[in-house]
PDB file of all heavy atoms in Angstrom:
ATOM      1  N   ASP A   1     106.752 126.337 123.207  1.00  0.00           N
ATOM      2  CA  ASP A   1     107.260 127.264 122.192  1.00  0.00           C
ATOM      3  C   ASP A   1     107.171 128.649 122.818  1.00  0.00           C
ATOM      4  O   ASP A   1     106.208 129.383 122.609  1.00  0.00           O
ATOM      5  CB  ASP A   1     106.431 127.153 120.913  1.00  0.00           C
ATOM      6  CG  ASP A   1     107.025 127.941 119.748  1.00  0.00           C
ATOM      7  OD1 ASP A   1     108.143 128.481 119.898  1.00  0.00           O
ATOM      8  OD2 ASP A   1     106.372 128.019 118.698  1.00  0.00           O
ATOM      9  N   PRO A   2     108.164 128.993 123.651  1.00  0.00           N
ATOM     10  CA  PRO A   2     108.059 130.168 124.516  1.00  0.00           C
ATOM     11  C   PRO A   2     107.730 131.485 123.819  1.00  0.00           C
ATOM     12  O   PRO A   2     106.826 132.200 124.246  1.00  0.00           O
ATOM     13  CB  PRO A   2     109.432 130.238 125.192  1.00  0.00           C
ATOM     14  CG  PRO A   2     109.957 128.856 125.127  1.00  0.00           C
ATOM     15  CD  PRO A   2     109.432 128.293 123.846  1.00  0.00           C
ATOM     16  N   GLU A   3     108.436 131.802 122.751  1.00  0.00           N
ATOM     17  CA  GLU A   3     108.216 133.098 122.100  1.00  0.00           C
ATOM     18  C   GLU A   3     106.893 133.156 121.341  1.00  0.00           C
ATOM     19  O   GLU A   3     106.400 134.226 121.022  1.00  0.00           O
ATOM     20  CB  GLU A   3     109.369 133.447 121.155  1.00  0.00           C
ATOM     21  CG  GLU A   3     110.651 133.818 121.867  1.00  0.00           C
ATOM     22  CD  GLU A   3     111.532 132.607 122.143  1.00  0.00           C
ATOM     23  OE1 GLU A   3     111.146 131.472 121.809  1.00  0.00           O
ATOM     24  OE2 GLU A   3     112.615 132.803 122.712  1.00  0.00           O
ATOM     25  N   ALA A   4     106.289 132.009 121.052  1.00  0.00           N
ATOM     26  CA  ALA A   4     104.997 131.977 120.356  1.00  0.00           C
ATOM     27  C   ALA A   4     103.842 131.790 121.334  1.00  0.00           C
ATOM     28  O   ALA A   4     102.702 131.622 120.906  1.00  0.00           O
ATOM     29  CB  ALA A   4     104.987 130.876 119.299  1.00  0.00           C
ATOM     30  N   PHE A   5     104.130 131.791 122.641  1.00  0.00           N
ATOM     31  CA  PHE A   5     103.090 131.749 123.682  1.00  0.00           C
ATOM     32  C   PHE A   5     102.197 130.513 123.577  1.00  0.00           C
ATOM     33  O   PHE A   5     100.994 130.589 123.797  1.00  0.00           O
ATOM     34  CB  PHE A   5     102.210 133.011 123.619  1.00  0.00           C
ATOM     35  CG  PHE A   5     102.960 134.278 123.420  1.00  0.00           C
ATOM     36  CD1 PHE A   5     103.012 134.888 122.175  1.00  0.00           C
ATOM     37  CD2 PHE A   5     103.651 134.864 124.470  1.00  0.00           C
ATOM     38  CE1 PHE A   5     103.706 136.071 121.977  1.00  0.00           C
ATOM     39  CE2 PHE A   5     104.354 136.041 124.281  1.00  0.00           C
ATOM     40  CZ  PHE A   5     104.386 136.646 123.035  1.00  0.00           C
ATOM     41  N   ARG A   6     102.781 129.355 123.249  1.00  0.00           N
ATOM     42  CA  ARG A   6     101.946 128.180 123.008  1.00  0.00           C
ATOM     43  C   ARG A   6     102.661 126.894 123.397  1.00  0.00           C
ATOM     44  O   ARG A   6     103.864 126.867 123.616  1.00  0.00           O
ATOM     45  CB  ARG A   6     101.566 128.106 121.530  1.00  0.00           C
ATOM     46  CG  ARG A   6     102.771 127.913 120.632  1.00  0.00           C
ATOM     47  CD  ARG A   6     102.425 127.948 119.159  1.00  0.00           C
ATOM     48  NE  ARG A   6     103.645 127.803 118.361  1.00  0.00           N
ATOM     49  CZ  ARG A   6     103.667 127.591 117.075  1.00  0.00           C
ATOM     50  NH1 ARG A   6     102.523 127.495 116.414  1.00  0.00           N
ATOM     51  NH2 ARG A   6     104.807 127.470 116.425  1.00  0.00           N
ATOM     52  N   ILE A   7     101.844 125.836 123.427  1.00  0.00           N
ATOM     53  CA  ILE A   7     102.317 124.481 123.629  1.00  0.00           C
ATOM     54  C   ILE A   7     101.944 123.702 122.371  1.00  0.00           C
ATOM     55  O   ILE A   7     100.791 123.737 121.930  1.00  0.00           O
ATOM     56  CB  ILE A   7     101.666 123.816 124.862  1.00  0.00           C
ATOM     57  CG1 ILE A   7     101.837 124.679 126.113  1.00  0.00           C
ATOM     58  CG2 ILE A   7     102.216 122.400 125.056  1.00  0.00           C
ATOM     59  CD1 ILE A   7     103.260 124.930 126.541  1.00  0.00           C
ATOM     60  N   LEU A   8     102.905 123.005 121.794  1.00  0.00           N
ATOM     61  CA  LEU A   8     102.676 122.167 120.626  1.00  0.00           C
ATOM     62  C   LEU A   8     102.534 120.728 121.092  1.00  0.00           C
ATOM     63  O   LEU A   8     103.270 120.286 121.974  1.00  0.00           O
ATOM     64  CB  LEU A   8     103.843 122.285 119.652  1.00  0.00           C
ATOM     65  CG  LEU A   8     104.168 123.704 119.193  1.00  0.00           C
ATOM     66  CD1 LEU A   8     105.516 123.734 118.492  1.00  0.00           C
ATOM     67  CD2 LEU A   8     103.068 124.221 118.293  1.00  0.00           C
ATOM     68  N   VAL A   9     101.615 119.987 120.475  1.00  0.00           N
ATOM     69  CA  VAL A   9     101.368 118.612 120.885  1.00  0.00           C
ATOM     70  C   VAL A   9     101.598 117.696 119.686  1.00  0.00           C
ATOM     71  O   VAL A   9     101.034 117.918 118.608  1.00  0.00           O
ATOM     72  CB  VAL A   9      99.940 118.441 121.435  1.00  0.00           C
ATOM     73  CG1 VAL A   9      99.740 117.027 121.975  1.00  0.00           C
ATOM     74  CG2 VAL A   9      99.650 119.475 122.516  1.00  0.00           C
ATOM     75  N   PHE A  10     102.416 116.664 119.907  1.00  0.00           N
ATOM     76  CA  PHE A  10     102.776 115.694 118.875  1.00  0.00           C
ATOM     77  C   PHE A  10     102.523 114.283 119.389  1.00  0.00           C
ATOM     78  O   PHE A  10     102.476 114.064 120.595  1.00  0.00           O
ATOM     79  CB  PHE A  10     104.286 115.793 118.550  1.00  0.00           C
ATOM     80  CG  PHE A  10     104.703 117.085 117.955  1.00  0.00           C
ATOM     81  CD1 PHE A  10     105.059 118.153 118.766  1.00  0.00           C
ATOM     82  CD2 PHE A  10     104.765 117.241 116.582  1.00  0.00           C
ATOM     83  CE1 PHE A  10     105.462 119.363 118.217  1.00  0.00           C
ATOM     84  CE2 PHE A  10     105.164 118.444 116.027  1.00  0.00           C
ATOM     85  CZ  PHE A  10     105.514 119.495 116.837  1.00  0.00           C
ATOM     86  N   THR A  11     102.449 113.330 118.466  1.00  0.00           N
ATOM     87  CA  THR A  11     102.574 111.932 118.858  1.00  0.00           C
ATOM     88  C   THR A  11     104.053 111.709 119.143  1.00  0.00           C
ATOM     89  O   THR A  11     104.903 112.519 118.755  1.00  0.00           O
ATOM     90  CB  THR A  11     102.121 110.972 117.746  1.00  0.00           C
ATOM     91  OG1 THR A  11     103.023 111.103 116.631  1.00  0.00           O
ATOM     92  CG2 THR A  11     100.685 111.252 117.322  1.00  0.00           C
ATOM     93  N   THR A  12     104.387 110.597 119.755  1.00  0.00           N
ATOM     94  CA  THR A  12     105.793 110.324 120.040  1.00  0.00           C
ATOM     95  C   THR A  12     106.562 109.906 118.793  1.00  0.00           C
ATOM     96  O   THR A  12     107.779 109.722 118.852  1.00  0.00           O
ATOM     97  CB  THR A  12     105.937 109.256 121.136  1.00  0.00           C
ATOM     98  OG1 THR A  12     105.191 108.102 120.762  1.00  0.00           O
ATOM     99  CG2 THR A  12     105.469 109.788 122.484  1.00  0.00           C
ATOM    100  N   THR A  13     105.870 109.795 117.659  1.00  0.00           N
ATOM    101  CA  THR A  13     106.557 109.543 116.393  1.00  0.00           C
ATOM    102  C   THR A  13     106.697 110.815 115.566  1.00  0.00           C
ATOM    103  O   THR A  13     107.207 110.779 114.464  1.00  0.00           O
ATOM    104  CB  THR A  13     105.843 108.457 115.570  1.00  0.00           C
ATOM    105  OG1 THR A  13     104.498 108.864 115.335  1.00  0.00           O
ATOM    106  CG2 THR A  13     105.883 107.117 116.286  1.00  0.00           C
ATOM    107  N   GLY A  14     106.222 111.946 116.103  1.00  0.00           N
ATOM    108  CA  GLY A  14     106.444 113.231 115.458  1.00  0.00           C
ATOM    109  C   GLY A  14     105.285 113.793 114.679  1.00  0.00           C
ATOM    110  O   GLY A  14     105.416 114.833 114.039  1.00  0.00           O
ATOM    111  N   GLN A  15     104.121 113.163 114.726  1.00  0.00           N
ATOM    112  CA  GLN A  15     102.958 113.703 114.020  1.00  0.00           C
ATOM    113  C   GLN A  15     102.361 114.841 114.848  1.00  0.00           C
ATOM    114  O   GLN A  15     102.026 114.659 116.014  1.00  0.00           O
ATOM    115  CB  GLN A  15     101.912 112.615 113.790  1.00  0.00           C
ATOM    116  CG  GLN A  15     100.658 113.147 113.136  1.00  0.00           C
ATOM    117  CD  GLN A  15      99.549 112.102 113.087  1.00  0.00           C
ATOM    118  OE1 GLN A  15      99.716 110.956 113.494  1.00  0.00           O
ATOM    119  NE2 GLN A  15      98.408 112.511 112.583  1.00  0.00           N
ATOM    120  N   PHE A  16     102.225 116.005 114.213  1.00  0.00           N
ATOM    121  CA  PHE A  16     101.622 117.148 114.895  1.00  0.00           C
ATOM    122  C   PHE A  16     100.143 116.878 115.117  1.00  0.00           C
ATOM    123  O   PHE A  16      99.436 116.474 114.197  1.00  0.00           O
ATOM    124  CB  PHE A  16     101.812 118.431 114.074  1.00  0.00           C
ATOM    125  CG  PHE A  16     101.127 119.619 114.670  1.00  0.00           C
ATOM    126  CD1 PHE A  16     101.669 120.263 115.764  1.00  0.00           C
ATOM    127  CD2 PHE A  16      99.929 120.081 114.151  1.00  0.00           C
ATOM    128  CE1 PHE A  16     101.043 121.359 116.333  1.00  0.00           C
ATOM    129  CE2 PHE A  16      99.284 121.172 114.713  1.00  0.00           C
ATOM    130  CZ  PHE A  16      99.847 121.812 115.810  1.00  0.00           C
ATOM    131  N   LEU A  17      99.661 117.117 116.342  1.00  0.00           N
ATOM    132  CA  LEU A  17      98.250 116.915 116.668  1.00  0.00           C
ATOM    133  C   LEU A  17      97.505 118.232 116.799  1.00  0.00           C
ATOM    134  O   LEU A  17      96.489 118.437 116.146  1.00  0.00           O
ATOM    135  CB  LEU A  17      98.116 116.105 117.962  1.00  0.00           C
ATOM    136  CG  LEU A  17      98.687 114.690 117.934  1.00  0.00           C
ATOM    137  CD1 LEU A  17      98.640 114.068 119.324  1.00  0.00           C
ATOM    138  CD2 LEU A  17      97.929 113.846 116.920  1.00  0.00           C
ATOM    139  N   TYR A  18      97.980 119.118 117.645  1.00  0.00           N
ATOM    140  CA  TYR A  18      97.325 120.407 117.863  1.00  0.00           C
ATOM    141  C   TYR A  18      98.237 121.286 118.710  1.00  0.00           C
ATOM    142  O   TYR A  18      99.283 120.845 119.173  1.00  0.00           O
ATOM    143  CB  TYR A  18      95.950 120.233 118.532  1.00  0.00           C
ATOM    144  CG  TYR A  18      95.975 119.614 119.913  1.00  0.00           C
ATOM    145  CD1 TYR A  18      96.005 120.410 121.057  1.00  0.00           C
ATOM    146  CD2 TYR A  18      95.955 118.227 120.087  1.00  0.00           C
ATOM    147  CE1 TYR A  18      96.015 119.846 122.320  1.00  0.00           C
ATOM    148  CE2 TYR A  18      95.961 117.654 121.352  1.00  0.00           C
ATOM    149  CZ  TYR A  18      95.993 118.472 122.467  1.00  0.00           C
ATOM    150  OH  TYR A  18      96.009 117.919 123.721  1.00  0.00           O
ATOM    151  N   SER A  19      97.820 122.513 118.909  1.00  0.00           N
ATOM    152  CA  SER A  19      98.536 123.411 119.813  1.00  0.00           C
ATOM    153  C   SER A  19      97.505 124.141 120.663  1.00  0.00           C
ATOM    154  O   SER A  19      96.322 124.181 120.322  1.00  0.00           O
ATOM    155  CB  SER A  19      99.406 124.406 119.041  1.00  0.00           C
ATOM    156  OG  SER A  19      98.616 125.303 118.310  1.00  0.00           O
ATOM    157  N   PHE A  20      97.952 124.696 121.761  1.00  0.00           N
ATOM    158  CA  PHE A  20      97.068 125.526 122.573  1.00  0.00           C
ATOM    159  C   PHE A  20      97.876 126.644 123.204  1.00  0.00           C
ATOM    160  O   PHE A  20      99.090 126.555 123.336  1.00  0.00           O
ATOM    161  CB  PHE A  20      96.309 124.703 123.618  1.00  0.00           C
ATOM    162  CG  PHE A  20      97.171 124.002 124.628  1.00  0.00           C
ATOM    163  CD1 PHE A  20      97.512 124.619 125.828  1.00  0.00           C
ATOM    164  CD2 PHE A  20      97.626 122.709 124.395  1.00  0.00           C
ATOM    165  CE1 PHE A  20      98.296 123.963 126.765  1.00  0.00           C
ATOM    166  CE2 PHE A  20      98.405 122.042 125.331  1.00  0.00           C
ATOM    167  CZ  PHE A  20      98.744 122.675 126.518  1.00  0.00           C
ATOM    168  N   GLY A  21      97.146 127.696 123.563  1.00  0.00           N
ATOM    169  CA  GLY A  21      97.751 128.877 124.156  1.00  0.00           C
ATOM    170  C   GLY A  21      97.944 129.975 123.128  1.00  0.00           C
ATOM    171  O   GLY A  21      97.984 129.724 121.921  1.00  0.00           O
ATOM    172  N   ASP A  22      98.012 131.186 123.616  1.00  0.00           N
ATOM    173  CA  ASP A  22      98.337 132.367 122.823  1.00  0.00           C
ATOM    174  C   ASP A  22      98.808 133.441 123.796  1.00  0.00           C
ATOM    175  O   ASP A  22      98.893 133.191 125.000  1.00  0.00           O
ATOM    176  CB  ASP A  22      97.155 132.827 121.960  1.00  0.00           C
ATOM    177  CG  ASP A  22      95.936 133.247 122.769  1.00  0.00           C
ATOM    178  OD1 ASP A  22      96.091 133.809 123.875  1.00  0.00           O
ATOM    179  OD2 ASP A  22      94.814 133.015 122.295  1.00  0.00           O
ATOM    180  N   TYR A  23      99.100 134.619 123.289  1.00  0.00           N
ATOM    181  CA  TYR A  23      99.673 135.654 124.145  1.00  0.00           C
ATOM    182  C   TYR A  23      98.723 136.122 125.244  1.00  0.00           C
ATOM    183  O   TYR A  23      99.152 136.734 126.214  1.00  0.00           O
ATOM    184  CB  TYR A  23     100.164 136.838 123.306  1.00  0.00           C
ATOM    185  CG  TYR A  23      99.056 137.655 122.702  1.00  0.00           C
ATOM    186  CD1 TYR A  23      98.569 138.783 123.346  1.00  0.00           C
ATOM    187  CD2 TYR A  23      98.483 137.305 121.485  1.00  0.00           C
ATOM    188  CE1 TYR A  23      97.543 139.531 122.808  1.00  0.00           C
ATOM    189  CE2 TYR A  23      97.466 138.040 120.929  1.00  0.00           C
ATOM    190  CZ  TYR A  23      96.991 139.149 121.591  1.00  0.00           C
ATOM    191  OH  TYR A  23      95.972 139.878 121.049  1.00  0.00           O
ATOM    192  N   THR A  24      97.419 135.818 125.127  1.00  0.00           N
ATOM    193  CA  THR A  24      96.475 136.225 126.177  1.00  0.00           C
ATOM    194  C   THR A  24      96.402 135.205 127.311  1.00  0.00           C
ATOM    195  O   THR A  24      95.863 135.518 128.370  1.00  0.00           O
ATOM    196  CB  THR A  24      95.063 136.430 125.615  1.00  0.00           C
ATOM    197  OG1 THR A  24      94.550 135.183 125.155  1.00  0.00           O
ATOM    198  CG2 THR A  24      95.060 137.455 124.490  1.00  0.00           C
ATOM    199  N   THR A  25      96.925 133.990 127.092  1.00  0.00           N
ATOM    200  CA  THR A  25      96.821 132.955 128.117  1.00  0.00           C
ATOM    201  C   THR A  25      98.174 132.502 128.664  1.00  0.00           C
ATOM    202  O   THR A  25      98.261 132.141 129.834  1.00  0.00           O
ATOM    203  CB  THR A  25      96.064 131.722 127.578  1.00  0.00           C
ATOM    204  OG1 THR A  25      96.739 131.228 126.422  1.00  0.00           O
ATOM    205  CG2 THR A  25      94.632 132.069 127.217  1.00  0.00           C
ATOM    206  N   ILE A  26      99.198 132.470 127.823  1.00  0.00           N
ATOM    207  CA  ILE A  26     100.537 132.049 128.265  1.00  0.00           C
ATOM    208  C   ILE A  26     101.513 133.165 127.935  1.00  0.00           C
ATOM    209  O   ILE A  26     101.793 133.434 126.778  1.00  0.00           O
ATOM    210  CB  ILE A  26     100.987 130.741 127.569  1.00  0.00           C
ATOM    211  CG1 ILE A  26     100.013 129.602 127.855  1.00  0.00           C
ATOM    212  CG2 ILE A  26     102.396 130.374 128.016  1.00  0.00           C
ATOM    213  CD1 ILE A  26     100.309 128.332 127.065  1.00  0.00           C
ATOM    214  N   THR A  27     102.018 133.822 128.964  1.00  0.00           N
ATOM    215  CA  THR A  27     102.956 134.918 128.745  1.00  0.00           C
ATOM    216  C   THR A  27     104.330 134.394 128.332  1.00  0.00           C
ATOM    217  O   THR A  27     104.918 134.861 127.372  1.00  0.00           O
ATOM    218  CB  THR A  27     103.092 135.772 130.022  1.00  0.00           C
ATOM    219  OG1 THR A  27     101.788 136.077 130.518  1.00  0.00           O
ATOM    220  CG2 THR A  27     103.841 137.051 129.742  1.00  0.00           C
ATOM    221  N   LEU A  28     104.816 133.391 129.057  1.00  0.00           N
ATOM    222  CA  LEU A  28     106.111 132.793 128.740  1.00  0.00           C
ATOM    223  C   LEU A  28     106.159 131.375 129.315  1.00  0.00           C
ATOM    224  O   LEU A  28     106.291 131.195 130.524  1.00  0.00           O
ATOM    225  CB  LEU A  28     107.256 133.627 129.318  1.00  0.00           C
ATOM    226  CG  LEU A  28     108.659 133.126 129.015  1.00  0.00           C
ATOM    227  CD1 LEU A  28     108.916 133.083 127.510  1.00  0.00           C
ATOM    228  CD2 LEU A  28     109.680 134.003 129.696  1.00  0.00           C
ATOM    229  N   ALA A  29     106.015 130.388 128.447  1.00  0.00           N
ATOM    230  CA  ALA A  29     106.006 128.988 128.881  1.00  0.00           C
ATOM    231  C   ALA A  29     107.413 128.574 129.273  1.00  0.00           C
ATOM    232  O   ALA A  29     108.267 128.345 128.431  1.00  0.00           O
ATOM    233  CB  ALA A  29     105.467 128.093 127.771  1.00  0.00           C
ATOM    234  N   GLY A  30     107.644 128.476 130.570  1.00  0.00           N
ATOM    235  CA  GLY A  30     108.965 128.135 131.078  1.00  0.00           C
ATOM    236  C   GLY A  30     109.128 126.679 131.449  1.00  0.00           C
ATOM    237  O   GLY A  30     110.208 126.253 131.826  1.00  0.00           O
ATOM    238  N   GLY A  31     108.079 125.899 131.325  1.00  0.00           N
ATOM    239  CA  GLY A  31     108.147 124.478 131.625  1.00  0.00           C
ATOM    240  C   GLY A  31     106.801 123.836 131.409  1.00  0.00           C
ATOM    241  O   GLY A  31     105.778 124.521 131.370  1.00  0.00           O
ATOM    242  N   VAL A  32     106.803 122.518 131.239  1.00  0.00           N
ATOM    243  CA  VAL A  32     105.556 121.777 131.043  1.00  0.00           C
ATOM    244  C   VAL A  32     105.687 120.420 131.715  1.00  0.00           C
ATOM    245  O   VAL A  32     106.772 119.822 131.731  1.00  0.00           O
ATOM    246  CB  VAL A  32     105.208 121.647 129.541  1.00  0.00           C
ATOM    247  CG1 VAL A  32     106.275 120.869 128.784  1.00  0.00           C
ATOM    248  CG2 VAL A  32     103.832 121.043 129.325  1.00  0.00           C
ATOM    249  N   ALA A  33     104.597 119.951 132.304  1.00  0.00           N
ATOM    250  CA  ALA A  33     104.555 118.636 132.940  1.00  0.00           C
ATOM    251  C   ALA A  33     103.148 118.067 132.771  1.00  0.00           C
ATOM    252  O   ALA A  33     102.189 118.824 132.581  1.00  0.00           O
ATOM    253  CB  ALA A  33     104.896 118.746 134.423  1.00  0.00           C
ATOM    254  N   VAL A  34     103.037 116.751 132.823  1.00  0.00           N
ATOM    255  CA  VAL A  34     101.731 116.089 132.743  1.00  0.00           C
ATOM    256  C   VAL A  34     101.613 115.098 133.896  1.00  0.00           C
ATOM    257  O   VAL A  34     102.619 114.592 134.392  1.00  0.00           O
ATOM    258  CB  VAL A  34     101.531 115.364 131.392  1.00  0.00           C
ATOM    259  CG1 VAL A  34     101.481 116.351 130.256  1.00  0.00           C
ATOM    260  CG2 VAL A  34     102.621 114.341 131.146  1.00  0.00           C
TER     261      VAL A  34
END
């Protein structure tokens, strides 16, 4: 979620689990990999 400085985490069925990051840790999330 680039403009909100965070990563959202869901189950693969769409249940929201948690998020992490804020403007002090992620300036602009341009990609994600695991």
